[in-house]
């Protein structure tokens, strides 16, 4: 896999840790970070074997991603801003559509584009002093990397409106209370907790986890009947996999299964 200027990639068996490495800029998302992180996520899809779970975090102990790089954004024309916005959307979509789960390990500020990046992940663990928010209206802007849509789907339309219109930052505890964050973790334990969960996910049948991720995502905007049909089709397809045969064999034999992703 290629090396990057602003992204660190660590492989640990079936788990990959992606770290945005601009701590002096609070890991702000500029064009280079967005391009490299998109390439890193897409590159993981090309590996054989693919990772079974990934963790996304930021370098240092102050910020996951403090937002988009305002210095870079300040000079954009309308046309350039559209390109920048599309690049941010492409990154978040690559994460959302990845065949493996991605856990956001939020180690500090997750504001603006940082909050949007975390929302594109399957779920979020946050250190206890983390802050979340969409402060774009303070700059005469609005969320541009999917925040108006994914935030509303995660916490509900009313709360999303309140957070976006007021630009208020909320604590990790408040974020957990409204369903934005899955778990709040003491400082110093965040990556260990994320790795523990990632390893647990990686021990499961990867085709089954990938299928469940796809059906949850596609079914979330479908009517119940159509969503259930998606589920039934994906459920049946897994009966053609070696992992399904291994899982049922091991269960009946009271053994631990060995899944191969086939």
Protein backbone atom coordinates (compact mmCIF):
# COMPACT_ATOMS: atom_id res chain seq x y z
CA UNK A 1 0.00 0.00 0.00
CA UNK A 2 1.29 3.48 -0.85
CA UNK A 3 2.77 5.80 1.77
CA UNK A 4 1.12 9.10 2.64
CA UNK A 5 2.16 12.55 3.75
CA UNK A 6 -0.62 13.11 6.27
CA UNK A 7 -2.07 9.65 7.01
CA UNK A 8 -0.52 6.87 9.09
CA UNK A 9 -1.62 3.31 8.29
CA UNK A 10 -1.02 0.55 10.84
CA UNK A 11 -1.89 -3.09 10.12
CA UNK A 12 -2.48 -5.47 13.03
CA UNK A 13 -3.64 -8.82 11.69
CA UNK A 14 -7.19 -8.24 10.44
CA UNK A 15 -7.49 -4.72 11.91
CA UNK A 16 -6.17 -1.49 10.35
CA UNK A 17 -5.72 1.81 12.21
CA UNK A 18 -5.85 4.98 10.09
CA UNK A 19 -4.48 8.07 11.84
CA UNK A 20 -4.82 11.59 10.47
CA UNK A 21 -1.38 12.98 11.24
CA UNK A 22 -1.50 16.79 11.41
CA UNK A 23 -1.49 17.36 15.18
CA UNK A 24 0.02 20.84 14.84
CA UNK A 25 -3.07 21.82 12.79
CA UNK A 26 -5.46 19.86 15.03
CA UNK A 27 -5.73 17.36 12.17
CA UNK A 28 -7.76 19.81 10.08
CA UNK A 29 -9.00 18.49 6.76
CA UNK A 30 -7.26 20.13 3.85
CA UNK A 31 -7.23 18.91 0.25
CA UNK A 32 -4.19 16.71 0.84
CA UNK A 33 -5.70 14.96 3.87
CA UNK A 34 -9.01 14.41 2.09
CA UNK A 35 -7.31 13.03 -1.02
CA UNK A 36 -4.93 10.78 0.93
CA UNK A 37 -7.53 9.44 3.35
CA UNK A 38 -9.87 8.65 0.45
CA UNK A 39 -7.04 6.81 -1.30
CA UNK A 40 -6.16 4.95 1.91
CA UNK A 41 -9.73 3.73 2.47
CA UNK A 42 -10.14 2.70 -1.15
CA UNK A 43 -6.72 1.04 -1.09
CA UNK A 44 -7.76 -1.17 1.82
CA UNK A 45 -10.52 -2.58 -0.39
CA UNK A 46 -7.84 -3.81 -2.82
CA UNK A 47 -5.86 -5.77 -0.24
CA UNK A 48 -6.00 -9.55 -0.20
CA UNK A 49 -7.13 -10.34 2.35
CA UNK A 50 -9.13 -7.23 3.08
CA UNK A 51 -9.16 -5.90 6.64
CA UNK A 52 -12.10 -7.07 8.70
CA UNK A 53 -12.36 -3.83 10.64
CA UNK A 54 -10.71 -0.40 10.63
CA UNK A 55 -10.25 2.30 13.25
CA UNK A 56 -10.07 5.97 12.28
CA UNK A 57 -8.49 8.43 14.72
CA UNK A 58 -6.41 11.60 14.92
CA UNK A 59 -2.83 12.14 16.05
CA UNK A 60 -2.16 13.82 19.38
CA UNK A 61 -4.50 14.24 22.33
CA UNK A 62 -6.34 17.44 21.38
CA UNK A 63 -8.31 16.67 18.25
CA UNK A 64 -9.78 13.91 16.16
CA UNK A 65 -10.35 16.48 13.42
CA UNK A 66 -11.03 20.07 14.49
CA UNK A 67 -12.75 20.80 11.18
CA UNK A 68 -11.91 21.62 7.61
CA UNK A 69 -8.80 23.75 7.05
CA UNK A 70 -10.25 27.27 7.26
CA UNK A 71 -7.09 28.90 5.93
CA UNK A 72 -7.42 26.87 2.74
CA UNK A 73 -11.18 27.36 2.50
CA UNK A 74 -10.98 31.13 2.95
CA UNK A 75 -9.65 31.64 -0.58
CA UNK A 76 -11.98 29.29 -2.47
CA UNK A 77 -14.18 30.49 -5.29
CA UNK A 78 -17.67 29.06 -5.72
CA UNK A 79 -16.39 26.58 -8.30
CA UNK A 80 -13.43 25.59 -6.12
CA UNK A 81 -15.68 25.21 -3.09
CA UNK A 82 -17.88 22.82 -5.06
CA UNK A 83 -14.83 20.69 -5.91
CA UNK A 84 -13.72 20.77 -2.25
CA UNK A 85 -17.19 19.81 -1.04
CA UNK A 86 -17.47 16.96 -3.52
CA UNK A 87 -14.07 15.67 -2.37
CA UNK A 88 -15.26 15.67 1.26
CA UNK A 89 -18.44 13.85 0.25
CA UNK A 90 -16.42 11.29 -1.72
CA UNK A 91 -14.27 10.61 1.36
CA UNK A 92 -17.25 10.13 3.66
CA UNK A 93 -18.99 7.94 1.09
CA UNK A 94 -15.87 5.77 0.71
CA UNK A 95 -15.89 5.18 4.47
CA UNK A 96 -19.63 4.59 4.58
CA UNK A 97 -19.60 2.13 1.67
CA UNK A 98 -16.46 0.25 2.69
CA UNK A 99 -16.95 -3.49 2.88
CA UNK A 100 -15.62 -3.56 6.45
CA UNK A 101 -16.82 -1.67 9.55
CA UNK A 102 -14.97 1.53 10.47
CA UNK A 103 -14.90 2.67 14.11
CA UNK A 104 -14.28 6.37 14.78
CA UNK A 105 -12.02 6.74 17.82
CA UNK A 106 -12.60 10.41 18.64
CA UNK A 107 -9.69 11.58 20.78
CA UNK A 108 -10.62 15.27 21.13
CA UNK A 109 -12.38 17.89 19.03
CA UNK A 110 -14.66 16.55 16.29
CA UNK A 111 -16.03 19.76 14.84
CA UNK A 112 -17.39 20.60 11.41
CA UNK A 113 -15.75 18.25 8.93
CA UNK A 114 -14.43 16.22 11.86
CA UNK A 115 -17.93 15.53 13.12
CA UNK A 116 -19.02 14.70 9.57
CA UNK A 117 -16.09 12.30 9.18
CA UNK A 118 -17.01 10.52 12.42
CA UNK A 119 -20.65 10.30 11.29
CA UNK A 120 -19.56 8.47 8.14
CA UNK A 121 -18.08 5.71 10.31
CA UNK A 122 -20.18 2.78 11.50
CA UNK A 123 -20.10 3.97 15.09
CA UNK A 124 -18.17 6.24 17.40
CA UNK A 125 -16.17 5.80 20.58
CA UNK A 126 -15.06 9.05 22.20
CA UNK A 127 -12.66 10.08 24.92
CA UNK A 128 -14.41 11.72 27.86
CA UNK A 129 -13.16 15.24 27.03
CA UNK A 130 -14.16 15.11 23.35
CA UNK A 131 -16.35 17.81 21.83
CA UNK A 132 -18.73 17.46 18.90
CA UNK A 133 -20.40 20.13 16.81
CA UNK A 134 -21.23 21.63 13.44
CA UNK A 135 -20.11 25.26 13.84
CA UNK A 136 -20.18 26.19 10.14
CA UNK A 137 -22.84 28.91 10.49
CA UNK A 138 -20.33 30.87 12.59
CA UNK A 139 -18.36 31.24 9.34
CA UNK A 140 -21.32 32.07 7.14
CA UNK A 141 -21.38 28.50 5.88
CA UNK A 142 -23.24 25.24 6.49
CA UNK A 143 -22.06 21.64 6.78
CA UNK A 144 -20.67 20.55 3.43
CA UNK A 145 -19.47 16.95 3.87
CA UNK A 146 -22.84 15.33 4.65
CA UNK A 147 -23.50 16.77 8.10
CA UNK A 148 -27.03 17.97 7.38
CA UNK A 149 -27.97 14.45 6.32
CA UNK A 150 -26.00 11.98 8.43
CA UNK A 151 -26.46 13.95 11.66
CA UNK A 152 -30.23 14.02 11.17
CA UNK A 153 -30.26 10.30 10.48
CA UNK A 154 -28.14 9.60 13.56
CA UNK A 155 -29.83 11.78 16.20
CA UNK A 156 -33.10 12.88 14.57
CA UNK A 157 -34.09 15.94 12.60
CA UNK A 158 -34.96 18.15 15.58
CA UNK A 159 -31.63 17.72 17.37
CA UNK A 160 -29.70 18.05 14.11
CA UNK A 161 -31.43 21.37 13.41
CA UNK A 162 -30.63 22.63 16.90
CA UNK A 163 -26.95 21.69 16.69
CA UNK A 164 -26.48 23.09 13.19
CA UNK A 165 -28.47 26.31 13.67
CA UNK A 166 -26.87 27.19 17.04
CA UNK A 167 -23.36 25.95 16.17
CA UNK A 168 -23.11 24.72 19.77
CA UNK A 169 -20.41 22.20 20.66
CA UNK A 170 -21.54 19.38 22.94
CA UNK A 171 -19.65 17.14 25.33
CA UNK A 172 -18.97 13.47 24.74
CA UNK A 173 -21.48 12.63 27.47
CA UNK A 174 -24.20 14.70 25.77
CA UNK A 175 -23.28 13.16 22.41
CA UNK A 176 -23.71 9.70 23.92
CA UNK A 177 -27.04 10.66 25.48
CA UNK A 178 -28.49 11.67 22.11
CA UNK A 179 -27.14 8.65 20.26
CA UNK A 180 -24.32 10.33 18.38
CA UNK A 181 -21.63 8.45 20.33
CA UNK A 182 -21.82 4.77 21.25
CA UNK A 183 -19.47 4.84 24.21
CA UNK A 184 -17.45 7.36 26.21
CA UNK A 185 -14.03 6.10 27.28
CA UNK A 186 -11.59 7.54 29.85
CA UNK A 187 -8.58 9.38 28.46
CA UNK A 188 -5.77 6.98 27.73
CA UNK A 189 -8.06 4.02 27.11
CA UNK A 190 -9.68 5.03 23.84
CA UNK A 191 -7.55 3.17 21.31
CA UNK A 192 -7.36 0.07 23.49
CA UNK A 193 -11.15 0.02 23.71
CA UNK A 194 -11.52 0.55 19.97
CA UNK A 195 -8.97 -2.16 19.24
CA UNK A 196 -10.78 -4.55 21.57
CA UNK A 197 -14.06 -4.04 19.71
CA UNK A 198 -12.34 -4.17 16.31
CA UNK A 199 -10.69 -7.48 17.23
CA UNK A 200 -14.04 -8.87 18.32
CA UNK A 201 -15.61 -7.83 15.01
CA UNK A 202 -12.63 -9.26 13.11
CA UNK A 203 -13.19 -12.65 14.79
CA UNK A 204 -16.66 -12.92 13.25
CA UNK A 205 -17.52 -14.09 9.75
CA UNK A 206 -16.38 -11.19 7.53
CA UNK A 207 -18.87 -11.83 4.72
CA UNK A 208 -21.71 -11.84 7.24
CA UNK A 209 -20.53 -8.59 8.87
CA UNK A 210 -20.06 -6.95 5.47
CA UNK A 211 -23.52 -8.05 4.33
CA UNK A 212 -25.10 -6.77 7.54
CA UNK A 213 -23.36 -3.40 7.08
CA UNK A 214 -24.61 -3.12 3.51
CA UNK A 215 -28.21 -4.04 4.36
CA UNK A 216 -28.36 -1.67 7.35
CA UNK A 217 -27.10 1.19 5.17
CA UNK A 218 -29.30 0.50 2.16
CA UNK A 219 -32.33 -0.34 4.23
CA UNK A 220 -32.20 2.80 6.35
CA UNK A 221 -33.80 4.92 3.61
CA UNK A 222 -36.10 2.24 2.21
CA UNK A 223 -39.64 1.42 3.29
CA UNK A 224 -39.87 -1.53 5.71
CA UNK A 225 -41.10 -4.03 3.14
CA UNK A 226 -38.29 -3.23 0.69
CA UNK A 227 -35.71 -3.21 3.49
CA UNK A 228 -36.84 -6.59 4.76
CA UNK A 229 -36.58 -7.97 1.22
CA UNK A 230 -32.98 -6.73 1.08
CA UNK A 231 -32.31 -8.54 4.33
CA UNK A 232 -33.94 -11.79 3.20
CA UNK A 233 -31.94 -11.82 -0.03
CA UNK A 234 -28.63 -11.14 1.72
CA UNK A 235 -29.42 -13.72 4.41
CA UNK A 236 -30.07 -16.41 1.82
CA UNK A 237 -26.93 -15.55 -0.18
CA UNK A 238 -24.73 -16.26 2.83
CA UNK A 239 -25.80 -19.90 2.73
CA UNK A 240 -23.56 -20.22 -0.32
CA UNK A 241 -20.45 -19.25 1.65
CA UNK A 242 -17.79 -21.44 3.18
CA UNK A 243 -17.98 -19.28 6.31
CA UNK A 244 -21.63 -20.21 6.84
CA UNK A 245 -20.77 -23.91 6.60
CA UNK A 246 -17.82 -23.43 8.96
CA UNK A 247 -19.87 -21.44 11.45
CA UNK A 248 -22.66 -23.98 11.68
CA UNK A 249 -20.22 -26.92 11.74
CA UNK A 250 -18.23 -25.37 14.59
CA UNK A 251 -21.39 -24.53 16.54
CA UNK A 252 -22.71 -28.08 16.30
CA UNK A 253 -19.29 -29.48 17.21
CA UNK A 254 -18.94 -26.98 20.07
CA UNK A 255 -15.73 -25.64 18.58
CA UNK A 256 -14.40 -22.19 17.74
CA UNK A 257 -14.94 -21.41 14.05
CA UNK A 258 -12.16 -20.35 11.70
CA UNK A 259 -13.55 -17.89 9.19
CA UNK A 260 -11.77 -17.22 5.90
CA UNK A 261 -14.04 -14.62 4.28
CA UNK A 262 -15.14 -17.04 1.57
